[in-house]
Amino acid sequence: MRMQTHDEVPMSTTYYWLCLLASIVFEVAGTSVMKLSQETWPLLGMGCMYLLLGLSYFFLARAVMKLPVGVAYAFWEGLGLTLITIVSVTLLDERLDAMRLAALGMVLAGTLLVHHGTAHGRDDEEAEAASGGEGRI
């Protein structure tokens, strides 16, 4: 019996959504550290920021291996923007007025619309297989 290598082990879609979530968390942490590092320990803060943002892109790249790029990027930007706004209001004493709140609502609504309006790969593959690959250039 041959053992499967890491590349051959099938991953569930949940794994890729968790990679996307990790990417968002690292992005928010990196952006927060960027702001905080300007006040104390700028060199250490910048190093931490680059590390966290690098991890964010690493996990985003993992996520788009299975998730549609448009959906992953919409969630990454939309949730990241929302979370960094929450962090900036709660931890960095920034203001959140009605205009910014409305804009965040629209960003989240747009993210959900992109998600629901995007085919998630399997349906497209099944449709192509059923048609015998016709319609492809």
C-alpha atoms as a PDB file:
ATOM      1  CA  MET A   1       0.000   0.000   0.000  1.00  0.00           C
ATOM      2  CA  ARG A   2       1.421   3.347  -1.077  1.00  0.00           C
ATOM      3  CA  MET A   3       1.164   6.339   1.286  1.00  0.00           C
ATOM      4  CA  GLN A   4      -0.300   9.557  -0.054  1.00  0.00           C
ATOM      5  CA  THR A   5       1.908  12.607  -0.099  1.00  0.00           C
ATOM      6  CA  HIS A   6       0.669  15.943   1.212  1.00  0.00           C
ATOM      7  CA  ASP A   7      -0.091  17.114  -2.334  1.00  0.00           C
ATOM      8  CA  GLU A   8      -2.270  14.073  -3.011  1.00  0.00           C
ATOM      9  CA  VAL A   9      -4.426  14.309   0.116  1.00  0.00           C
ATOM     10  CA  PRO A  10      -7.806  15.760  -0.875  1.00  0.00           C
ATOM     11  CA  MET A  11      -8.829  18.820   1.127  1.00  0.00           C
ATOM     12  CA  SER A  12     -12.396  19.794   1.840  1.00  0.00           C
ATOM     13  CA  THR A  13     -13.730  23.191   0.871  1.00  0.00           C
ATOM     14  CA  THR A  14     -13.836  23.999   4.598  1.00  0.00           C
ATOM     15  CA  TYR A  15     -10.035  23.941   4.679  1.00  0.00           C
ATOM     16  CA  TYR A  16      -9.861  26.643   1.999  1.00  0.00           C
ATOM     17  CA  TRP A  17     -12.461  28.794   3.774  1.00  0.00           C
ATOM     18  CA  LEU A  18     -10.374  28.466   6.957  1.00  0.00           C
ATOM     19  CA  CYS A  19      -7.310  29.555   4.971  1.00  0.00           C
ATOM     20  CA  LEU A  20      -9.280  32.593   3.820  1.00  0.00           C
ATOM     21  CA  LEU A  21     -10.307  33.350   7.405  1.00  0.00           C
ATOM     22  CA  ALA A  22      -6.678  33.049   8.554  1.00  0.00           C
ATOM     23  CA  SER A  23      -5.668  35.380   5.735  1.00  0.00           C
ATOM     24  CA  ILE A  24      -8.190  37.984   6.888  1.00  0.00           C
ATOM     25  CA  VAL A  25      -7.070  37.721  10.528  1.00  0.00           C
ATOM     26  CA  PHE A  26      -3.394  38.138   9.558  1.00  0.00           C
ATOM     27  CA  GLU A  27      -4.252  41.105   7.327  1.00  0.00           C
ATOM     28  CA  VAL A  28      -6.124  42.870  10.133  1.00  0.00           C
ATOM     29  CA  ALA A  29      -3.336  42.114  12.614  1.00  0.00           C
ATOM     30  CA  GLY A  30      -0.663  43.351  10.197  1.00  0.00           C
ATOM     31  CA  THR A  31      -2.527  46.556   9.432  1.00  0.00           C
ATOM     32  CA  SER A  32      -3.135  47.191  13.137  1.00  0.00           C
ATOM     33  CA  VAL A  33       0.536  46.627  13.955  1.00  0.00           C
ATOM     34  CA  MET A  34       1.480  49.081  11.192  1.00  0.00           C
ATOM     35  CA  LYS A  35      -0.485  51.842  12.927  1.00  0.00           C
ATOM     36  CA  LEU A  36       0.685  50.907  16.426  1.00  0.00           C
ATOM     37  CA  SER A  37       4.343  50.584  15.400  1.00  0.00           C
ATOM     38  CA  GLN A  38       4.537  54.265  14.512  1.00  0.00           C
ATOM     39  CA  GLU A  39       4.169  55.150  18.189  1.00  0.00           C
ATOM     40  CA  THR A  40       6.713  52.751  19.737  1.00  0.00           C
ATOM     41  CA  TRP A  41       9.365  50.393  18.370  1.00  0.00           C
ATOM     42  CA  PRO A  42       8.981  51.366  14.686  1.00  0.00           C
ATOM     43  CA  LEU A  43      11.570  48.896  13.342  1.00  0.00           C
ATOM     44  CA  LEU A  44      10.178  45.915  15.273  1.00  0.00           C
ATOM     45  CA  GLY A  45       6.642  46.952  14.370  1.00  0.00           C
ATOM     46  CA  MET A  46       7.470  47.134  10.673  1.00  0.00           C
ATOM     47  CA  GLY A  47       9.074  43.682  10.831  1.00  0.00           C
ATOM     48  CA  CYS A  48       5.965  42.261  12.498  1.00  0.00           C
ATOM     49  CA  MET A  49       3.764  44.015   9.954  1.00  0.00           C
ATOM     50  CA  TYR A  50       5.660  42.492   7.008  1.00  0.00           C
ATOM     51  CA  LEU A  51       5.535  39.037   8.599  1.00  0.00           C
ATOM     52  CA  LEU A  52       1.790  39.233   9.283  1.00  0.00           C
ATOM     53  CA  LEU A  53       0.951  40.611   5.832  1.00  0.00           C
ATOM     54  CA  GLY A  54       3.152  37.934   4.254  1.00  0.00           C
ATOM     55  CA  LEU A  55       1.214  35.264   6.144  1.00  0.00           C
ATOM     56  CA  SER A  56      -1.992  36.909   4.991  1.00  0.00           C
ATOM     57  CA  TYR A  57      -0.989  36.591   1.339  1.00  0.00           C
ATOM     58  CA  PHE A  58       0.257  33.033   1.884  1.00  0.00           C
ATOM     59  CA  PHE A  59      -3.125  31.931   3.233  1.00  0.00           C
ATOM     60  CA  LEU A  60      -4.978  33.924   0.570  1.00  0.00           C
ATOM     61  CA  ALA A  61      -2.977  32.065  -2.084  1.00  0.00           C
ATOM     62  CA  ARG A  62      -3.943  28.757  -0.441  1.00  0.00           C
ATOM     63  CA  ALA A  63      -7.609  29.789  -0.349  1.00  0.00           C
ATOM     64  CA  VAL A  64      -7.797  30.588  -4.064  1.00  0.00           C
ATOM     65  CA  MET A  65      -6.556  27.109  -4.918  1.00  0.00           C
ATOM     66  CA  LYS A  66     -10.165  25.951  -4.468  1.00  0.00           C
ATOM     67  CA  LEU A  67     -12.317  29.066  -3.954  1.00  0.00           C
ATOM     68  CA  PRO A  68     -13.120  31.410  -6.858  1.00  0.00           C
ATOM     69  CA  VAL A  69     -10.651  34.315  -6.872  1.00  0.00           C
ATOM     70  CA  GLY A  70     -13.408  36.943  -7.045  1.00  0.00           C
ATOM     71  CA  VAL A  71     -15.204  35.490  -4.036  1.00  0.00           C
ATOM     72  CA  ALA A  72     -12.019  35.064  -1.993  1.00  0.00           C
ATOM     73  CA  TYR A  73     -10.809  38.581  -2.775  1.00  0.00           C
ATOM     74  CA  ALA A  74     -14.224  40.105  -2.050  1.00  0.00           C
ATOM     75  CA  PHE A  75     -14.335  38.424   1.350  1.00  0.00           C
ATOM     76  CA  TRP A  76     -10.689  39.262   2.066  1.00  0.00           C
ATOM     77  CA  GLU A  77     -11.197  42.952   1.299  1.00  0.00           C
ATOM     78  CA  GLY A  78     -14.743  43.297   2.649  1.00  0.00           C
ATOM     79  CA  LEU A  79     -14.294  41.493   5.949  1.00  0.00           C
ATOM     80  CA  GLY A  80     -10.776  42.849   6.347  1.00  0.00           C
ATOM     81  CA  LEU A  81     -12.004  46.416   5.897  1.00  0.00           C
ATOM     82  CA  THR A  82     -14.861  45.854   8.324  1.00  0.00           C
ATOM     83  CA  LEU A  83     -12.651  44.251  10.971  1.00  0.00           C
ATOM     84  CA  ILE A  84      -9.899  46.861  10.681  1.00  0.00           C
ATOM     85  CA  THR A  85     -12.540  49.565  11.101  1.00  0.00           C
ATOM     86  CA  ILE A  86     -13.799  47.854  14.261  1.00  0.00           C
ATOM     87  CA  VAL A  87     -10.227  47.551  15.556  1.00  0.00           C
ATOM     88  CA  SER A  88      -9.463  51.190  14.739  1.00  0.00           C
ATOM     89  CA  VAL A  89     -12.597  52.393  16.543  1.00  0.00           C
ATOM     90  CA  THR A  90     -12.184  50.173  19.617  1.00  0.00           C
ATOM     91  CA  LEU A  91      -8.404  50.162  20.039  1.00  0.00           C
ATOM     92  CA  LEU A  92      -7.081  53.194  18.167  1.00  0.00           C
ATOM     93  CA  ASP A  93      -9.730  55.744  19.202  1.00  0.00           C
ATOM     94  CA  GLU A  94     -10.815  56.561  15.653  1.00  0.00           C
ATOM     95  CA  ARG A  95     -14.335  57.846  14.917  1.00  0.00           C
ATOM     96  CA  LEU A  96     -17.084  55.933  13.174  1.00  0.00           C
ATOM     97  CA  ASP A  97     -19.694  58.283  11.758  1.00  0.00           C
ATOM     98  CA  ALA A  98     -22.920  57.446   9.927  1.00  0.00           C
ATOM     99  CA  MET A  99     -21.304  57.798   6.486  1.00  0.00           C
ATOM    100  CA  ARG A 100     -18.536  55.280   7.263  1.00  0.00           C
ATOM    101  CA  LEU A 101     -21.050  52.916   8.842  1.00  0.00           C
ATOM    102  CA  ALA A 102     -23.252  53.067   5.726  1.00  0.00           C
ATOM    103  CA  ALA A 103     -20.214  52.495   3.508  1.00  0.00           C
ATOM    104  CA  LEU A 104     -19.249  49.418   5.528  1.00  0.00           C
ATOM    105  CA  GLY A 105     -22.779  48.089   5.157  1.00  0.00           C
ATOM    106  CA  MET A 106     -22.522  48.482   1.390  1.00  0.00           C
ATOM    107  CA  VAL A 107     -19.128  46.765   1.310  1.00  0.00           C
ATOM    108  CA  LEU A 108     -20.527  43.790   3.209  1.00  0.00           C
ATOM    109  CA  ALA A 109     -23.615  43.683   0.986  1.00  0.00           C
ATOM    110  CA  GLY A 110     -21.390  43.750  -2.108  1.00  0.00           C
ATOM    111  CA  THR A 111     -19.255  40.939  -0.715  1.00  0.00           C
ATOM    112  CA  LEU A 112     -22.316  38.761  -0.206  1.00  0.00           C
ATOM    113  CA  LEU A 113     -23.638  39.596  -3.680  1.00  0.00           C
ATOM    114  CA  VAL A 114     -20.332  38.581  -5.270  1.00  0.00           C
ATOM    115  CA  HIS A 115     -20.409  35.324  -3.314  1.00  0.00           C
ATOM    116  CA  HIS A 116     -23.963  34.449  -4.316  1.00  0.00           C
ATOM    117  CA  GLY A 117     -23.494  35.528  -7.928  1.00  0.00           C
ATOM    118  CA  THR A 118     -20.393  33.427  -8.570  1.00  0.00           C
ATOM    119  CA  ALA A 119     -20.431  29.853  -9.817  1.00  0.00           C
ATOM    120  CA  HIS A 120     -18.332  27.733  -7.504  1.00  0.00           C
ATOM    121  CA  GLY A 121     -16.449  25.595 -10.002  1.00  0.00           C
ATOM    122  CA  ARG A 122     -18.211  22.239  -9.678  1.00  0.00           C
ATOM    123  CA  ASP A 123     -21.393  23.409 -11.435  1.00  0.00           C
ATOM    124  CA  ASP A 124     -19.333  24.745 -14.343  1.00  0.00           C
ATOM    125  CA  GLU A 125     -17.327  21.516 -14.591  1.00  0.00           C
ATOM    126  CA  GLU A 126     -20.468  19.367 -14.498  1.00  0.00           C
ATOM    127  CA  ALA A 127     -22.156  21.510 -17.171  1.00  0.00           C
ATOM    128  CA  GLU A 128     -19.097  21.258 -19.405  1.00  0.00           C
ATOM    129  CA  ALA A 129     -18.871  17.479 -18.921  1.00  0.00           C
ATOM    130  CA  ALA A 130     -22.568  17.099 -19.755  1.00  0.00           C
ATOM    131  CA  SER A 131     -22.172  19.096 -22.961  1.00  0.00           C
ATOM    132  CA  GLY A 132     -19.107  17.111 -24.001  1.00  0.00           C
ATOM    133  CA  GLY A 133     -16.880  20.161 -23.687  1.00  0.00           C
ATOM    134  CA  GLU A 134     -18.744  22.099 -26.372  1.00  0.00           C
ATOM    135  CA  GLY A 135     -18.638  25.854 -26.278  1.00  0.00           C
ATOM    136  CA  ARG A 136     -15.018  25.951 -25.240  1.00  0.00           C
ATOM    137  CA  ILE A 137     -12.483  27.650 -27.447  1.00  0.00           C
END
